[in-house]
Amino acid sequence: MHLHLDAVGGVAGDMFIAALLDAFPHLHAPLIDAVRLAGMPSAVAVSLVAHHDHALGGKRFIVQEPGHGAEHEHGHEAHHGPQSGHAAHDHDHVHGADHGHRSFADIRAMLQASGLAAPVREHALAIFTLLAQAEARVHGTTVDSISFHEVGEWDSIADIVGAAFLIDALAATWSVGALPLGSGRVRSAHGILPVPAPATVLLLEGFDCFDDGLPGERVTPTGAAILRYLRGFGGPRQGRCAGAGTGFGTRRFPAMANVLRVLVLEPGAAPNRDRVAEILFEVDDQTPEDLAIGLDRIRQHAGTRDVLQLAALGKKGRMTTQVRVLADPQCLDEVTDLCLLETATIGLRFQVLERKMLARRQIEAAPGPDGVRAKEVQRLGSVTRKAEADDLRSVAGYAERERIRRAVAGKDSP
């Protein structure tokens, strides 16, 4: 499964969770359980509510601590040194004026001692670490000296732990569309800061961004840390669209909904794209018997996809054999060395090419004779099946083999 994030309004931790729970509602209860296992007190209320804005419907993820009834828009800033002030950013949860502060070291110790499943704990620690590293660079200090402001509150801890739970539960590859930059200034514990916030800028290095003309903070540091972590789970944006989810932020825009949308793409008939290494060389002074042995050794290498031989007319009118090897790009050096070792060629050419392939799988043929397997291919708009040639070796007679081929393909027998 592949999940693509479309940051229409921006990205914040609560928007990320809301969008994914809108697409995968069965994960709501176990996500809450995971957040509780991280140590969140039972008095802190967690809710997923329906929300509508500008004709769009979706979900909002809200964490509310007791006695905190006022609704604020804020970002997730860190601080080192005296604790004072808070940021006044966008995309937030519901809480009051009293802000808690936790050091990164305290949060790390709390998560390490929690009852979270090991993969969820590792994801959460990695996201917090990315955020702490960015803040340390901004402030010119060490990671262990960082103390979080809003990130130290339970609404933001729930964002990161909840995101970690979803990353583990969905086991997907991810991609992210271009991100809105936002604009303006924001008040923080460190004074007036530009938008995007300095830590956010560091976390978004390498992402595509654009200016849609709407002011304010559009990607929070917590949202940026989640996106940065998801780059380690990247994959091509392709597949059959199987659904979508919409997560709302707090802020309202005059002309569009403030949403993060997730598109759910599942493997289907859409062609897969990947890369393959092509190796070419010619041989005109090696006996056919010995060349066949050498090419068979090349063919047996785990990184070799295919080996082809073509008759050609070389220089000085000599008959020559052109060899074309397809290999995994990561095995290119090993396979080229093997070509030089096993054949008489003294040089070769290679390149890495993009290729497009139809989805395929090996199945047991049905109806089919004794143990004959088939290759099933998801063609655009249809499915084809072909009996594996190796399984037909033990079948005597052309007519019988042809009958089996037709039966596996789903055609009437002749």
Protein backbone atom coordinates (compact mmCIF):
# COMPACT_ATOMS: atom_id res chain seq x y z
CA MET A 1 0.00 0.00 0.00
CA HIS A 2 1.14 3.54 -0.79
CA LEU A 3 -0.09 6.69 0.99
CA HIS A 4 0.22 10.11 -0.63
CA LEU A 5 -0.13 13.27 1.45
CA ASP A 6 -1.72 16.29 -0.24
CA ALA A 7 -1.11 19.34 1.98
CA VAL A 8 -3.96 21.55 0.78
CA GLY A 9 -4.02 23.71 3.91
CA GLY A 10 -0.75 22.52 5.45
CA VAL A 11 0.55 19.83 7.77
CA ALA A 12 0.37 19.51 11.54
CA GLY A 13 0.43 16.46 13.77
CA ASP A 14 -3.28 16.57 14.54
CA MET A 15 -4.14 16.97 10.84
CA PHE A 16 -1.95 13.95 9.98
CA ILE A 17 -3.72 11.74 12.52
CA ALA A 18 -7.19 13.01 11.59
CA ALA A 19 -6.66 12.35 7.86
CA LEU A 20 -5.40 8.81 8.43
CA LEU A 21 -8.15 7.93 10.91
CA ASP A 22 -10.69 9.27 8.42
CA ALA A 23 -9.27 6.84 5.85
CA PHE A 24 -8.75 3.97 8.33
CA PRO A 25 -11.39 4.37 11.08
CA HIS A 26 -10.70 0.88 12.50
CA LEU A 27 -7.38 2.23 13.85
CA HIS A 28 -9.04 4.85 16.07
CA ALA A 29 -9.42 2.76 19.24
CA PRO A 30 -5.97 1.10 19.08
CA LEU A 31 -4.37 4.51 18.46
CA ILE A 32 -5.95 5.85 21.65
CA ASP A 33 -4.69 2.77 23.50
CA ALA A 34 -1.17 3.44 22.22
CA VAL A 35 -1.28 7.06 23.36
CA ARG A 36 -2.41 5.93 26.81
CA LEU A 37 0.46 3.41 26.93
CA ALA A 38 2.86 6.31 26.37
CA GLY A 39 1.80 7.61 29.77
CA MET A 40 -0.97 10.08 28.97
CA PRO A 41 -3.16 10.57 32.07
CA SER A 42 -6.73 9.29 31.92
CA ALA A 43 -7.97 12.81 32.73
CA VAL A 44 -6.75 14.02 29.32
CA ALA A 45 -9.61 13.67 26.85
CA VAL A 46 -8.97 12.44 23.30
CA SER A 47 -11.60 12.64 20.61
CA LEU A 48 -12.02 12.27 16.87
CA VAL A 49 -14.89 14.45 15.65
CA ALA A 50 -16.60 15.02 12.31
CA HIS A 51 -15.83 18.41 10.79
CA HIS A 52 -16.99 20.35 7.73
CA ASP A 53 -15.62 23.45 6.03
CA HIS A 54 -16.01 24.85 2.50
CA ALA A 55 -18.18 21.90 1.39
CA LEU A 56 -15.56 19.36 2.51
CA GLY A 57 -16.11 16.85 5.27
CA GLY A 58 -13.56 14.95 7.30
CA LYS A 59 -12.23 14.58 10.82
CA ARG A 60 -10.53 16.62 13.54
CA PHE A 61 -8.30 15.04 16.18
CA ILE A 62 -8.59 16.84 19.53
CA VAL A 63 -6.66 16.36 22.78
CA GLN A 64 -7.91 18.39 25.75
CA GLU A 65 -6.38 18.59 29.19
CA PRO A 66 -8.66 19.19 32.22
CA GLY A 67 -9.40 22.85 32.87
CA HIS A 68 -8.08 23.91 29.46
CA GLY A 69 -11.16 25.11 27.66
CA ALA A 70 -9.88 27.98 25.53
CA GLU A 71 -9.07 27.31 21.89
CA HIS A 72 -5.70 28.57 20.65
CA GLU A 73 -3.82 28.37 17.40
CA HIS A 74 -0.18 27.63 18.06
CA GLY A 75 2.81 25.82 16.72
CA HIS A 76 5.26 23.51 18.41
CA GLU A 77 8.39 25.37 19.47
CA ALA A 78 11.33 24.31 21.61
CA HIS A 79 13.39 26.37 24.03
CA HIS A 80 16.69 26.06 25.84
CA GLY A 81 17.40 28.18 28.86
CA PRO A 82 14.75 30.15 30.83
CA GLN A 83 11.20 28.97 30.18
CA SER A 84 8.89 31.78 29.07
CA GLY A 85 6.29 32.52 26.48
CA HIS A 86 4.77 30.36 23.81
CA ALA A 87 4.34 30.42 20.09
CA ALA A 88 1.15 31.68 18.47
CA HIS A 89 1.05 29.49 15.41
CA ASP A 90 -1.64 27.67 13.46
CA HIS A 91 -2.85 24.05 13.24
CA ASP A 92 -3.40 23.16 16.87
CA HIS A 93 -5.46 21.36 19.48
CA VAL A 94 -7.71 22.61 22.26
CA HIS A 95 -6.08 23.62 25.54
CA GLY A 96 -5.70 26.47 28.00
CA ALA A 97 -3.16 29.13 28.82
CA ASP A 98 -0.92 27.07 31.14
CA HIS A 99 1.81 25.46 29.07
CA GLY A 100 3.94 22.55 30.24
CA HIS A 101 7.61 22.20 29.43
CA ARG A 102 9.50 18.93 29.11
CA SER A 103 13.08 18.41 28.12
CA PHE A 104 13.86 16.12 25.24
CA ALA A 105 15.76 13.90 27.68
CA ASP A 106 12.63 13.58 29.86
CA ILE A 107 10.41 12.71 26.90
CA ARG A 108 12.95 10.17 25.68
CA ALA A 109 13.11 8.53 29.11
CA MET A 110 9.31 8.49 29.39
CA LEU A 111 8.90 6.76 26.01
CA GLN A 112 11.70 4.27 26.69
CA ALA A 113 9.99 3.27 29.95
CA SER A 114 6.50 3.13 28.40
CA GLY A 115 4.49 0.07 27.49
CA LEU A 116 4.47 0.96 23.79
CA ALA A 117 5.24 -1.78 21.29
CA ALA A 118 8.91 -1.61 20.33
CA PRO A 119 8.35 -0.46 16.70
CA VAL A 120 5.95 2.30 17.79
CA ARG A 121 8.38 3.46 20.47
CA GLU A 122 11.23 3.55 17.95
CA HIS A 123 9.19 5.57 15.44
CA ALA A 124 8.14 8.07 18.12
CA LEU A 125 11.69 8.48 19.47
CA ALA A 126 13.00 9.00 15.94
CA ILE A 127 10.47 11.76 15.23
CA PHE A 128 11.19 13.51 18.54
CA THR A 129 14.92 13.20 17.84
CA LEU A 130 14.57 14.86 14.42
CA LEU A 131 12.69 17.74 16.03
CA ALA A 132 15.24 18.08 18.85
CA GLN A 133 18.14 18.03 16.37
CA ALA A 134 16.55 20.82 14.33
CA GLU A 135 15.94 22.94 17.42
CA ALA A 136 19.50 22.33 18.62
CA ARG A 137 20.85 23.59 15.28
CA VAL A 138 18.65 26.67 15.44
CA HIS A 139 19.76 27.55 18.97
CA GLY A 140 23.38 26.47 18.65
CA THR A 141 23.21 23.97 21.49
CA THR A 142 23.12 20.22 22.08
CA VAL A 143 20.12 17.94 21.69
CA ASP A 144 20.05 17.07 25.40
CA SER A 145 19.89 20.78 26.28
CA ILE A 146 16.61 21.24 24.40
CA SER A 147 13.40 21.77 26.35
CA PHE A 148 10.15 21.71 24.41
CA HIS A 149 7.34 24.18 24.96
CA GLU A 150 4.09 23.12 23.22
CA VAL A 151 5.73 19.87 22.06
CA GLY A 152 6.08 19.03 25.75
CA GLU A 153 2.32 19.14 26.25
CA TRP A 154 0.18 16.05 25.97
CA ASP A 155 -1.63 17.20 22.83
CA SER A 156 1.65 17.31 20.92
CA ILE A 157 3.04 14.15 22.53
CA ALA A 158 -0.17 12.43 21.43
CA ASP A 159 0.39 13.73 17.88
CA ILE A 160 3.82 12.15 17.63
CA VAL A 161 2.99 8.91 19.41
CA GLY A 162 -0.22 8.61 17.35
CA ALA A 163 1.73 9.22 14.14
CA ALA A 164 4.25 6.56 15.19
CA PHE A 165 1.43 4.08 15.82
CA LEU A 166 -0.11 4.73 12.39
CA ILE A 167 3.24 4.43 10.60
CA ASP A 168 3.74 1.01 12.18
CA ALA A 169 0.16 -0.20 11.75
CA LEU A 170 -0.15 0.75 8.08
CA ALA A 171 3.29 -0.49 6.97
CA ALA A 172 2.99 1.63 3.82
CA THR A 173 5.27 3.54 1.51
CA TRP A 174 4.75 7.31 1.51
CA SER A 175 5.00 10.36 -0.73
CA VAL A 176 4.31 14.04 -0.13
CA GLY A 177 3.09 16.69 -2.56
CA ALA A 178 4.38 20.26 -2.68
CA LEU A 179 3.96 22.10 0.62
CA PRO A 180 2.53 25.61 1.14
CA LEU A 181 5.15 27.93 2.61
CA GLY A 182 2.92 30.39 4.45
CA SER A 183 4.21 33.84 5.32
CA GLY A 184 4.35 36.49 8.01
CA ARG A 185 5.74 36.48 11.53
CA VAL A 186 4.97 34.55 14.70
CA ARG A 187 5.42 35.32 18.39
CA SER A 188 7.50 32.76 20.30
CA ALA A 189 9.52 32.28 23.45
CA HIS A 190 12.49 33.60 21.45
CA GLY A 191 10.75 36.72 20.18
CA ILE A 192 9.30 37.35 16.74
CA LEU A 193 10.19 34.61 14.26
CA PRO A 194 9.59 34.37 10.52
CA VAL A 195 7.26 31.81 8.94
CA PRO A 196 8.14 29.02 8.29
CA ALA A 197 9.72 28.75 11.73
CA PRO A 198 13.51 28.18 11.73
CA ALA A 199 13.27 24.55 12.91
CA THR A 200 10.61 23.87 10.30
CA VAL A 201 12.87 25.18 7.54
CA LEU A 202 15.62 22.76 8.57
CA LEU A 203 13.23 19.82 8.67
CA LEU A 204 11.79 20.65 5.23
CA GLU A 205 15.13 20.78 3.43
CA GLY A 206 14.70 18.94 0.12
CA PHE A 207 10.88 19.16 0.01
CA ASP A 208 9.07 20.94 -2.81
CA CYS A 209 7.32 24.10 -1.58
CA PHE A 210 5.15 26.83 -3.10
CA ASP A 211 3.45 30.10 -2.14
CA ASP A 212 -0.33 30.06 -2.52
CA GLY A 213 -0.67 33.61 -1.22
CA LEU A 214 -2.27 32.71 2.11
CA PRO A 215 -0.46 34.06 5.20
CA GLY A 216 0.28 32.34 8.48
CA GLU A 217 2.08 29.17 9.50
CA ARG A 218 1.13 26.28 7.22
CA VAL A 219 3.52 23.51 8.32
CA THR A 220 4.27 23.22 12.04
CA PRO A 221 7.59 21.88 13.34
CA THR A 222 5.81 18.73 14.54
CA GLY A 223 4.23 18.24 11.12
CA ALA A 224 7.60 18.85 9.47
CA ALA A 225 9.32 16.31 11.74
CA ILE A 226 6.74 13.65 10.78
CA LEU A 227 7.24 14.42 7.08
CA ARG A 228 11.02 14.28 7.46
CA TYR A 229 10.78 10.88 9.13
CA LEU A 230 8.47 9.54 6.41
CA ARG A 231 11.15 10.19 3.80
CA GLY A 232 12.76 6.99 5.01
CA PHE A 233 9.63 5.12 3.83
CA GLY A 234 9.37 6.73 0.40
CA GLY A 235 7.98 4.98 -2.65
CA PRO A 236 6.53 5.73 -6.09
CA ARG A 237 3.11 7.39 -6.17
CA GLN A 238 1.30 4.72 -8.17
CA GLY A 239 -1.39 2.12 -7.84
CA ARG A 240 -5.16 1.79 -7.77
CA CYS A 241 -6.92 4.53 -5.79
CA ALA A 242 -8.66 2.69 -2.96
CA GLY A 243 -9.83 5.62 -0.85
CA ALA A 244 -8.92 8.89 0.82
CA GLY A 245 -9.04 10.63 4.18
CA THR A 246 -9.37 14.29 5.15
CA GLY A 247 -7.95 15.85 8.31
CA PHE A 248 -8.83 19.41 9.34
CA GLY A 249 -6.71 21.96 11.18
CA THR A 250 -8.04 24.61 13.55
CA ARG A 251 -7.60 27.66 11.38
CA ARG A 252 -10.17 28.65 8.74
CA PHE A 253 -9.16 30.12 5.40
CA PRO A 254 -11.37 32.52 3.42
CA ALA A 255 -11.36 30.61 0.12
CA MET A 256 -10.52 26.98 0.84
CA ALA A 257 -10.68 24.30 3.49
CA ASN A 258 -7.71 23.94 5.83
CA VAL A 259 -7.14 20.24 5.24
CA LEU A 260 -4.49 17.60 4.84
CA ARG A 261 -5.71 14.87 2.49
CA VAL A 262 -4.30 11.35 2.25
CA LEU A 263 -4.79 9.25 -0.89
CA VAL A 264 -4.73 5.46 -0.43
CA LEU A 265 -3.15 3.66 -3.39
CA GLU A 266 -3.12 -0.13 -3.58
CA PRO A 267 -1.20 -2.33 -6.04
CA GLY A 268 -3.30 -2.97 -9.11
CA ALA A 269 -3.10 -3.06 -12.85
CA ALA A 270 -1.10 0.15 -13.02
CA PRO A 271 2.38 -0.58 -14.41
CA ASN A 272 5.19 -0.66 -11.87
CA ARG A 273 8.22 1.50 -12.53
CA ASP A 274 11.71 0.64 -11.45
CA ARG A 275 15.29 0.74 -12.72
CA VAL A 276 17.40 -1.93 -14.39
CA ALA A 277 21.06 -1.99 -15.44
CA GLU A 278 21.81 -2.95 -19.05
CA ILE A 279 25.26 -4.39 -19.87
CA LEU A 280 26.37 -4.82 -23.52
CA PHE A 281 29.48 -6.41 -25.03
CA GLU A 282 30.60 -8.50 -28.02
CA VAL A 283 32.64 -11.71 -28.17
CA ASP A 284 34.28 -12.98 -31.39
CA ASP A 285 37.13 -15.16 -30.11
CA GLN A 286 35.51 -17.54 -27.60
CA THR A 287 34.22 -20.96 -28.59
CA PRO A 288 30.42 -21.35 -28.47
CA GLU A 289 30.77 -24.17 -25.92
CA ASP A 290 32.87 -22.11 -23.51
CA LEU A 291 30.78 -18.95 -24.03
CA ALA A 292 27.65 -20.93 -23.14
CA ILE A 293 29.29 -22.02 -19.88
CA GLY A 294 30.33 -18.47 -19.05
CA LEU A 295 26.90 -16.98 -19.82
CA ASP A 296 25.24 -19.64 -17.71
CA ARG A 297 27.43 -18.62 -14.77
CA ILE A 298 26.43 -14.98 -15.32
CA ARG A 299 22.77 -16.03 -15.52
CA GLN A 300 23.03 -17.80 -12.15
CA HIS A 301 24.15 -14.65 -10.29
CA ALA A 302 21.43 -13.44 -7.92
CA GLY A 303 21.65 -9.92 -9.35
CA THR A 304 21.12 -10.99 -12.98
CA ARG A 305 17.63 -10.53 -14.42
CA ASP A 306 18.21 -11.90 -17.92
CA VAL A 307 20.94 -12.78 -20.48
CA LEU A 308 20.39 -12.53 -24.24
CA GLN A 309 22.65 -13.54 -27.15
CA LEU A 310 22.43 -12.10 -30.68
CA ALA A 311 24.42 -13.03 -33.77
CA ALA A 312 26.15 -10.02 -35.34
CA LEU A 313 28.70 -9.16 -37.99
CA GLY A 314 31.69 -7.46 -36.39
CA LYS A 315 34.79 -5.74 -37.66
CA LYS A 316 36.94 -7.41 -40.32
CA GLY A 317 33.88 -9.36 -41.42
CA ARG A 318 33.97 -11.64 -38.39
CA MET A 319 30.85 -13.29 -37.05
CA THR A 320 30.45 -12.22 -33.44
CA THR A 321 28.06 -12.73 -30.54
CA GLN A 322 26.51 -9.68 -28.94
CA VAL A 323 25.60 -10.26 -25.29
CA ARG A 324 22.98 -8.22 -23.46
CA VAL A 325 22.69 -8.65 -19.68
CA LEU A 326 19.97 -7.10 -17.50
CA ALA A 327 20.90 -6.77 -13.82
CA ASP A 328 19.81 -5.15 -10.58
CA PRO A 329 21.42 -1.67 -10.43
CA GLN A 330 22.80 -2.33 -6.93
CA CYS A 331 24.61 -5.43 -8.29
CA LEU A 332 26.07 -3.67 -11.34
CA ASP A 333 29.71 -3.87 -10.24
CA GLU A 334 29.46 -7.55 -9.32
CA VAL A 335 27.76 -8.54 -12.58
CA THR A 336 30.12 -6.51 -14.81
CA ASP A 337 33.11 -8.08 -13.04
CA LEU A 338 31.57 -11.50 -13.66
CA CYS A 339 31.11 -10.70 -17.38
CA LEU A 340 34.79 -9.78 -17.65
CA LEU A 341 35.78 -12.95 -15.77
CA GLU A 342 33.62 -15.49 -17.60
CA THR A 343 33.88 -14.24 -21.20
CA ALA A 344 36.69 -13.26 -23.55
CA THR A 345 35.52 -9.66 -23.89
CA ILE A 346 38.03 -6.97 -22.89
CA GLY A 347 35.49 -4.19 -22.44
CA LEU A 348 31.79 -3.57 -22.01
CA ARG A 349 29.21 -0.78 -21.87
CA PHE A 350 26.50 -0.29 -19.27
CA GLN A 351 23.72 2.10 -18.33
CA VAL A 352 20.91 2.25 -15.79
CA LEU A 353 17.50 2.51 -17.42
CA GLU A 354 13.98 3.24 -16.20
CA ARG A 355 11.48 0.53 -17.03
CA LYS A 356 7.76 -0.03 -16.67
CA MET A 357 6.32 -3.45 -15.84
CA LEU A 358 2.87 -4.90 -15.43
CA ALA A 359 2.06 -6.42 -12.04
CA ARG A 360 2.49 -10.17 -12.07
CA ARG A 361 2.46 -13.13 -9.70
CA GLN A 362 2.94 -16.89 -9.84
CA ILE A 363 -0.15 -18.98 -9.08
CA GLU A 364 -1.17 -22.63 -9.06
CA ALA A 365 -3.05 -23.12 -12.30
CA ALA A 366 -6.74 -23.95 -11.92
CA PRO A 367 -8.06 -25.87 -13.60
CA GLY A 368 -4.70 -27.37 -14.21
CA PRO A 369 -2.94 -30.66 -14.38
CA ASP A 370 -0.47 -32.04 -11.89
CA GLY A 371 1.34 -29.17 -10.25
CA VAL A 372 1.46 -26.87 -13.29
CA ARG A 373 2.03 -23.30 -12.19
CA ALA A 374 1.06 -20.20 -14.14
CA LYS A 375 2.21 -16.60 -14.40
CA GLU A 376 -0.76 -14.25 -13.90
CA VAL A 377 -0.33 -10.76 -15.34
CA GLN A 378 -2.54 -7.77 -14.52
CA ARG A 379 -2.80 -6.15 -17.91
CA LEU A 380 -4.50 -2.80 -18.41
CA GLY A 381 -8.16 -3.78 -18.30
CA SER A 382 -7.65 -7.57 -18.29
CA VAL A 383 -5.86 -10.52 -16.68
CA THR A 384 -3.83 -13.13 -18.58
CA ARG A 385 -2.37 -16.43 -17.40
CA LYS A 386 0.37 -18.49 -18.98
CA ALA A 387 1.63 -21.93 -17.94
CA GLU A 388 5.23 -22.01 -16.72
CA ALA A 389 7.37 -23.69 -19.38
CA ASP A 390 9.53 -25.47 -16.80
CA ASP A 391 6.45 -27.28 -15.47
CA LEU A 392 5.61 -28.55 -18.96
CA ARG A 393 8.93 -30.33 -19.44
CA SER A 394 7.58 -33.58 -18.04
CA VAL A 395 4.52 -33.51 -20.32
CA ALA A 396 5.01 -35.59 -23.48
CA GLY A 397 3.52 -34.54 -26.80
CA TYR A 398 2.87 -31.14 -28.36
CA ALA A 399 -0.88 -31.64 -28.41
CA GLU A 400 -1.05 -32.38 -24.68
CA ARG A 401 1.18 -29.43 -23.80
CA GLU A 402 -0.98 -27.16 -25.96
CA ARG A 403 -4.13 -28.46 -24.26
CA ILE A 404 -2.63 -27.60 -20.87
CA ARG A 405 -1.58 -24.15 -22.06
CA ARG A 406 -5.10 -23.39 -23.26
CA ALA A 407 -6.67 -24.71 -20.05
CA VAL A 408 -4.36 -22.56 -17.90
CA ALA A 409 -5.11 -19.51 -20.06
CA GLY A 410 -8.85 -20.10 -19.63
CA LYS A 411 -9.46 -20.91 -23.29
CA ASP A 412 -11.49 -23.79 -24.64
CA SER A 413 -9.54 -26.92 -25.50
CA PRO A 414 -9.00 -27.49 -29.26
